[in-house]
PDB file of N, CA and C in Angstrom:
ATOM      1  N   UNK A   1     -57.913 129.486   4.692  1.00  0.00           N
ATOM      2  CA  UNK A   1     -56.878 128.655   4.068  1.00  0.00           C
ATOM      3  C   UNK A   1     -56.370 127.731   5.090  1.00  0.00           C
ATOM      4  N   UNK A   2     -56.254 126.441   4.895  1.00  0.00           N
ATOM      5  CA  UNK A   2     -55.727 125.536   5.833  1.00  0.00           C
ATOM      6  C   UNK A   2     -54.291 125.456   5.670  1.00  0.00           C
ATOM      7  N   UNK A   3     -53.625 125.645   6.824  1.00  0.00           N
ATOM      8  CA  UNK A   3     -52.210 125.583   6.852  1.00  0.00           C
ATOM      9  C   UNK A   3     -51.832 124.129   6.908  1.00  0.00           C
ATOM     10  N   UNK A   4     -50.556 123.649   6.419  1.00  0.00           N
ATOM     11  CA  UNK A   4     -49.985 122.305   6.699  1.00  0.00           C
ATOM     12  C   UNK A   4     -48.678 122.268   7.384  1.00  0.00           C
ATOM     13  N   UNK A   5     -48.445 121.242   8.086  1.00  0.00           N
ATOM     14  CA  UNK A   5     -47.471 121.064   8.894  1.00  0.00           C
ATOM     15  C   UNK A   5     -46.918 119.450   8.784  1.00  0.00           C
ATOM     16  N   UNK A   6     -45.663 119.351   8.799  1.00  0.00           N
ATOM     17  CA  UNK A   6     -45.059 118.093   8.890  1.00  0.00           C
ATOM     18  C   UNK A   6     -44.121 117.987  10.023  1.00  0.00           C
ATOM     19  N   UNK A   7     -44.360 116.917  10.819  1.00  0.00           N
ATOM     20  CA  UNK A   7     -43.690 116.781  12.020  1.00  0.00           C
ATOM     21  C   UNK A   7     -42.719 115.564  11.764  1.00  0.00           C
ATOM     22  N   UNK A   8     -41.348 115.808  11.895  1.00  0.00           N
ATOM     23  CA  UNK A   8     -40.389 114.823  11.606  1.00  0.00           C
ATOM     24  C   UNK A   8     -39.804 114.376  12.931  1.00  0.00           C
ATOM     25  N   UNK A   9     -39.675 113.074  13.260  1.00  0.00           N
ATOM     26  CA  UNK A   9     -39.251 112.504  14.609  1.00  0.00           C
ATOM     27  C   UNK A   9     -38.319 111.410  14.285  1.00  0.00           C
ATOM     28  N   UNK A  10     -36.949 111.846  14.550  1.00  0.00           N
ATOM     29  CA  UNK A  10     -35.997 110.766  14.564  1.00  0.00           C
ATOM     30  C   UNK A  10     -35.989 110.024  15.738  1.00  0.00           C
ATOM     31  N   UNK A  11     -35.848 108.626  15.495  1.00  0.00           N
ATOM     32  CA  UNK A  11     -35.960 107.582  16.591  1.00  0.00           C
ATOM     33  C   UNK A  11     -34.978 106.571  16.435  1.00  0.00           C
ATOM     34  N   UNK A  12     -34.297 106.359  17.636  1.00  0.00           N
ATOM     35  CA  UNK A  12     -33.434 105.037  17.724  1.00  0.00           C
ATOM     36  C   UNK A  12     -33.529 104.517  19.068  1.00  0.00           C
ATOM     37  N   UNK A  13     -34.093 103.343  19.067  1.00  0.00           N
ATOM     38  CA  UNK A  13     -34.411 102.543  20.197  1.00  0.00           C
ATOM     39  C   UNK A  13     -35.152 103.360  21.214  1.00  0.00           C
ATOM     40  N   UNK A  14     -36.412 103.833  20.691  1.00  0.00           N
ATOM     41  CA  UNK A  14     -37.356 104.556  21.526  1.00  0.00           C
ATOM     42  C   UNK A  14     -38.789 103.827  21.735  1.00  0.00           C
ATOM     43  N   UNK A  15     -38.622 102.534  21.820  1.00  0.00           N
ATOM     44  CA  UNK A  15     -39.668 101.614  21.956  1.00  0.00           C
ATOM     45  C   UNK A  15     -40.553 102.001  23.468  1.00  0.00           C
ATOM     46  N   UNK A  16     -39.709 102.455  24.440  1.00  0.00           N
ATOM     47  CA  UNK A  16     -40.278 102.790  25.734  1.00  0.00           C
ATOM     48  C   UNK A  16     -40.976 104.298  25.739  1.00  0.00           C
ATOM     49  N   UNK A  17     -40.660 105.033  24.739  1.00  0.00           N
ATOM     50  CA  UNK A  17     -41.114 106.265  24.739  1.00  0.00           C
ATOM     51  C   UNK A  17     -41.883 106.919  23.584  1.00  0.00           C
ATOM     52  N   UNK A  18     -41.789 106.352  22.503  1.00  0.00           N
ATOM     53  CA  UNK A  18     -42.394 106.748  21.159  1.00  0.00           C
ATOM     54  C   UNK A  18     -44.050 106.903  21.246  1.00  0.00           C
ATOM     55  N   UNK A  19     -44.660 105.891  21.848  1.00  0.00           N
ATOM     56  CA  UNK A  19     -46.085 106.156  21.846  1.00  0.00           C
ATOM     57  C   UNK A  19     -46.410 107.231  22.718  1.00  0.00           C
ATOM     58  N   UNK A  20     -45.634 107.651  23.771  1.00  0.00           N
ATOM     59  CA  UNK A  20     -46.091 108.801  24.556  1.00  0.00           C
ATOM     60  C   UNK A  20     -45.808 109.959  23.734  1.00  0.00           C
ATOM     61  N   UNK A  21     -44.849 110.114  23.138  1.00  0.00           N
ATOM     62  CA  UNK A  21     -44.508 111.174  22.209  1.00  0.00           C
ATOM     63  C   UNK A  21     -45.449 111.537  21.188  1.00  0.00           C
ATOM     64  N   UNK A  22     -45.974 110.414  20.519  1.00  0.00           N
ATOM     65  CA  UNK A  22     -47.017 110.438  19.413  1.00  0.00           C
ATOM     66  C   UNK A  22     -48.385 110.839  20.026  1.00  0.00           C
ATOM     67  N   UNK A  23     -48.657 110.377  21.218  1.00  0.00           N
ATOM     68  CA  UNK A  23     -49.924 110.650  21.975  1.00  0.00           C
ATOM     69  C   UNK A  23     -49.833 112.157  22.296  1.00  0.00           C
ATOM     70  N   UNK A  24     -48.753 112.767  22.692  1.00  0.00           N
ATOM     71  CA  UNK A  24     -48.675 114.090  23.017  1.00  0.00           C
ATOM     72  C   UNK A  24     -48.811 115.001  21.995  1.00  0.00           C
ATOM     73  N   UNK A  25     -48.157 114.640  20.732  1.00  0.00           N
ATOM     74  CA  UNK A  25     -48.361 115.427  19.606  1.00  0.00           C
ATOM     75  C   UNK A  25     -49.858 115.435  19.144  1.00  0.00           C
ATOM     76  N   UNK A  26     -50.500 114.137  19.037  1.00  0.00           N
ATOM     77  CA  UNK A  26     -51.847 114.018  18.737  1.00  0.00           C
ATOM     78  C   UNK A  26     -52.825 114.925  19.737  1.00  0.00           C
ATOM     79  N   UNK A  27     -52.500 115.051  20.860  1.00  0.00           N
ATOM     80  CA  UNK A  27     -53.302 115.829  21.743  1.00  0.00           C
ATOM     81  C   UNK A  27     -53.136 117.318  21.516  1.00  0.00           C
ATOM     82  N   UNK A  28     -52.266 117.870  20.792  1.00  0.00           N
ATOM     83  CA  UNK A  28     -52.153 119.318  20.566  1.00  0.00           C
ATOM     84  C   UNK A  28     -53.466 119.905  20.038  1.00  0.00           C
ATOM     85  N   UNK A  29     -53.872 121.009  20.483  1.00  0.00           N
ATOM     86  CA  UNK A  29     -55.133 121.632  19.948  1.00  0.00           C
ATOM     87  C   UNK A  29     -54.604 122.990  19.335  1.00  0.00           C
ATOM     88  N   UNK A  30     -54.674 122.938  18.026  1.00  0.00           N
ATOM     89  CA  UNK A  30     -54.328 124.207  17.168  1.00  0.00           C
ATOM     90  C   UNK A  30     -55.440 125.170  17.328  1.00  0.00           C
ATOM     91  N   UNK A  31     -54.899 126.498  17.279  1.00  0.00           N
ATOM     92  CA  UNK A  31     -56.041 127.533  17.333  1.00  0.00           C
ATOM     93  C   UNK A  31     -56.584 127.912  15.884  1.00  0.00           C
ATOM     94  N   UNK A  32     -56.215 127.156  14.888  1.00  0.00           N
ATOM     95  CA  UNK A  32     -56.512 127.364  13.616  1.00  0.00           C
ATOM     96  C   UNK A  32     -56.667 126.135  12.827  1.00  0.00           C
ATOM     97  N   UNK A  33     -57.273 126.079  11.770  1.00  0.00           N
ATOM     98  CA  UNK A  33     -57.388 124.853  10.842  1.00  0.00           C
ATOM     99  C   UNK A  33     -56.131 124.485  10.440  1.00  0.00           C
ATOM    100  N   UNK A  34     -55.626 123.316  10.529  1.00  0.00           N
ATOM    101  CA  UNK A  34     -54.292 122.718   9.971  1.00  0.00           C
ATOM    102  C   UNK A  34     -54.299 121.286   9.795  1.00  0.00           C
ATOM    103  N   UNK A  35     -53.758 120.980   8.721  1.00  0.00           N
ATOM    104  CA  UNK A  35     -53.718 119.410   8.155  1.00  0.00           C
ATOM    105  C   UNK A  35     -52.092 119.204   8.560  1.00  0.00           C
ATOM    106  N   UNK A  36     -52.048 118.134   9.280  1.00  0.00           N
ATOM    107  CA  UNK A  36     -50.694 117.633   9.696  1.00  0.00           C
ATOM    108  C   UNK A  36     -50.295 116.141   9.574  1.00  0.00           C
ATOM    109  N   UNK A  37     -48.933 115.940   9.204  1.00  0.00           N
ATOM    110  CA  UNK A  37     -48.682 114.646   9.264  1.00  0.00           C
ATOM    111  C   UNK A  37     -47.462 114.431  10.117  1.00  0.00           C
ATOM    112  N   UNK A  38     -47.349 113.171  10.613  1.00  0.00           N
ATOM    113  CA  UNK A  38     -46.192 112.736  11.616  1.00  0.00           C
ATOM    114  C   UNK A  38     -45.388 111.786  10.853  1.00  0.00           C
ATOM    115  N   UNK A  39     -44.127 112.139  10.676  1.00  0.00           N
ATOM    116  CA  UNK A  39     -43.177 111.045  10.153  1.00  0.00           C
ATOM    117  C   UNK A  39     -42.242 110.665  11.214  1.00  0.00           C
ATOM    118  N   UNK A  40     -42.036 109.304  11.387  1.00  0.00           N
ATOM    119  CA  UNK A  40     -40.990 108.885  12.454  1.00  0.00           C
ATOM    120  C   UNK A  40     -39.975 108.352  11.504  1.00  0.00           C
ATOM    121  N   UNK A  41     -38.819 108.810  11.673  1.00  0.00           N
ATOM    122  CA  UNK A  41     -37.613 108.281  10.961  1.00  0.00           C
ATOM    123  C   UNK A  41     -36.891 107.184  11.961  1.00  0.00           C
ATOM    124  N   UNK A  42     -37.142 105.969  11.749  1.00  0.00           N
ATOM    125  CA  UNK A  42     -36.527 104.924  12.566  1.00  0.00           C
ATOM    126  C   UNK A  42     -35.120 104.558  11.977  1.00  0.00           C
ATOM    127  N   UNK A  43     -34.012 104.914  12.811  1.00  0.00           N
ATOM    128  CA  UNK A  43     -32.554 104.867  12.489  1.00  0.00           C
ATOM    129  C   UNK A  43     -31.921 103.476  12.782  1.00  0.00           C
ATOM    130  N   UNK A  44     -32.583 102.379  12.260  1.00  0.00           N
ATOM    131  CA  UNK A  44     -32.235 101.005  12.504  1.00  0.00           C
ATOM    132  C   UNK A  44     -32.228 100.603  13.990  1.00  0.00           C
ATOM    133  N   UNK A  45     -33.424 100.968  14.585  1.00  0.00           N
ATOM    134  CA  UNK A  45     -33.634 100.525  15.910  1.00  0.00           C
ATOM    135  C   UNK A  45     -33.291  98.973  16.219  1.00  0.00           C
ATOM    136  N   UNK A  46     -32.898  98.507  17.281  1.00  0.00           N
ATOM    137  CA  UNK A  46     -32.784  97.080  17.591  1.00  0.00           C
ATOM    138  C   UNK A  46     -33.748  96.569  18.495  1.00  0.00           C
ATOM    139  N   UNK A  47     -34.696  97.456  18.974  1.00  0.00           N
ATOM    140  CA  UNK A  47     -35.754  97.307  19.803  1.00  0.00           C
ATOM    141  C   UNK A  47     -37.187  97.258  19.236  1.00  0.00           C
ATOM    142  N   UNK A  48     -38.475  97.366  19.752  1.00  0.00           N
ATOM    143  CA  UNK A  48     -39.628  97.342  19.140  1.00  0.00           C
ATOM    144  C   UNK A  48     -40.125  98.707  18.785  1.00  0.00           C
ATOM    145  N   UNK A  49     -39.184  99.795  18.533  1.00  0.00           N
ATOM    146  CA  UNK A  49     -39.717 101.087  18.140  1.00  0.00           C
ATOM    147  C   UNK A  49     -40.599 101.046  16.850  1.00  0.00           C
ATOM    148  N   UNK A  50     -40.227 100.197  15.875  1.00  0.00           N
ATOM    149  CA  UNK A  50     -40.992 100.228  14.623  1.00  0.00           C
ATOM    150  C   UNK A  50     -42.504  99.557  14.908  1.00  0.00           C
ATOM    151  N   UNK A  51     -42.513  98.628  15.777  1.00  0.00           N
ATOM    152  CA  UNK A  51     -43.776  97.916  16.222  1.00  0.00           C
ATOM    153  C   UNK A  51     -44.646  98.883  16.950  1.00  0.00           C
ATOM    154  N   UNK A  52     -43.971  99.807  17.813  1.00  0.00           N
ATOM    155  CA  UNK A  52     -44.789 100.622  18.544  1.00  0.00           C
ATOM    156  C   UNK A  52     -45.351 101.722  17.702  1.00  0.00           C
ATOM    157  N   UNK A  53     -44.686 102.200  16.491  1.00  0.00           N
ATOM    158  CA  UNK A  53     -45.021 103.178  15.834  1.00  0.00           C
ATOM    159  C   UNK A  53     -46.194 102.662  15.037  1.00  0.00           C
ATOM    160  N   UNK A  54     -46.019 101.357  14.436  1.00  0.00           N
ATOM    161  CA  UNK A  54     -47.094 100.755  13.795  1.00  0.00           C
ATOM    162  C   UNK A  54     -48.451 100.548  14.578  1.00  0.00           C
ATOM    163  N   UNK A  55     -48.249 100.207  15.831  1.00  0.00           N
ATOM    164  CA  UNK A  55     -49.403 100.024  16.653  1.00  0.00           C
ATOM    165  C   UNK A  55     -50.203 101.449  16.838  1.00  0.00           C
ATOM    166  N   UNK A  56     -49.381 102.495  17.034  1.00  0.00           N
ATOM    167  CA  UNK A  56     -50.023 103.835  17.006  1.00  0.00           C
ATOM    168  C   UNK A  56     -50.681 104.095  15.797  1.00  0.00           C
ATOM    169  N   UNK A  57     -50.056 103.847  14.537  1.00  0.00           N
ATOM    170  CA  UNK A  57     -50.801 104.154  13.439  1.00  0.00           C
ATOM    171  C   UNK A  57     -52.079 103.487  13.107  1.00  0.00           C
ATOM    172  N   UNK A  58     -52.212 102.142  13.564  1.00  0.00           N
ATOM    173  CA  UNK A  58     -53.316 101.495  13.389  1.00  0.00           C
ATOM    174  C   UNK A  58     -54.463 101.967  14.107  1.00  0.00           C
ATOM    175  N   UNK A  59     -54.329 102.744  14.971  1.00  0.00           N
ATOM    176  CA  UNK A  59     -55.438 103.500  15.725  1.00  0.00           C
ATOM    177  C   UNK A  59     -56.087 104.553  14.766  1.00  0.00           C
ATOM    178  N   UNK A  60     -55.424 104.916  13.783  1.00  0.00           N
ATOM    179  CA  UNK A  60     -56.123 105.899  12.813  1.00  0.00           C
ATOM    180  C   UNK A  60     -56.438 105.419  11.585  1.00  0.00           C
ATOM    181  N   UNK A  61     -56.348 104.060  11.280  1.00  0.00           N
ATOM    182  CA  UNK A  61     -56.850 103.492   9.919  1.00  0.00           C
ATOM    183  C   UNK A  61     -57.920 102.604  10.100  1.00  0.00           C
TER     184      UNK A  61
END
């Protein structure tokens, strides 16, 4: 049976770090089959946080 995991990341003005955070999560090697999703909750950032998240997402579509 495949386990499921949701990863929630609150973000506020994290344009300088959010890509690195997402890359580190993506690099995790699980010891068992797992389906997972990453949800970034942008709390009205005034920098490019949303654009950085979107750029990361485009790598997987």
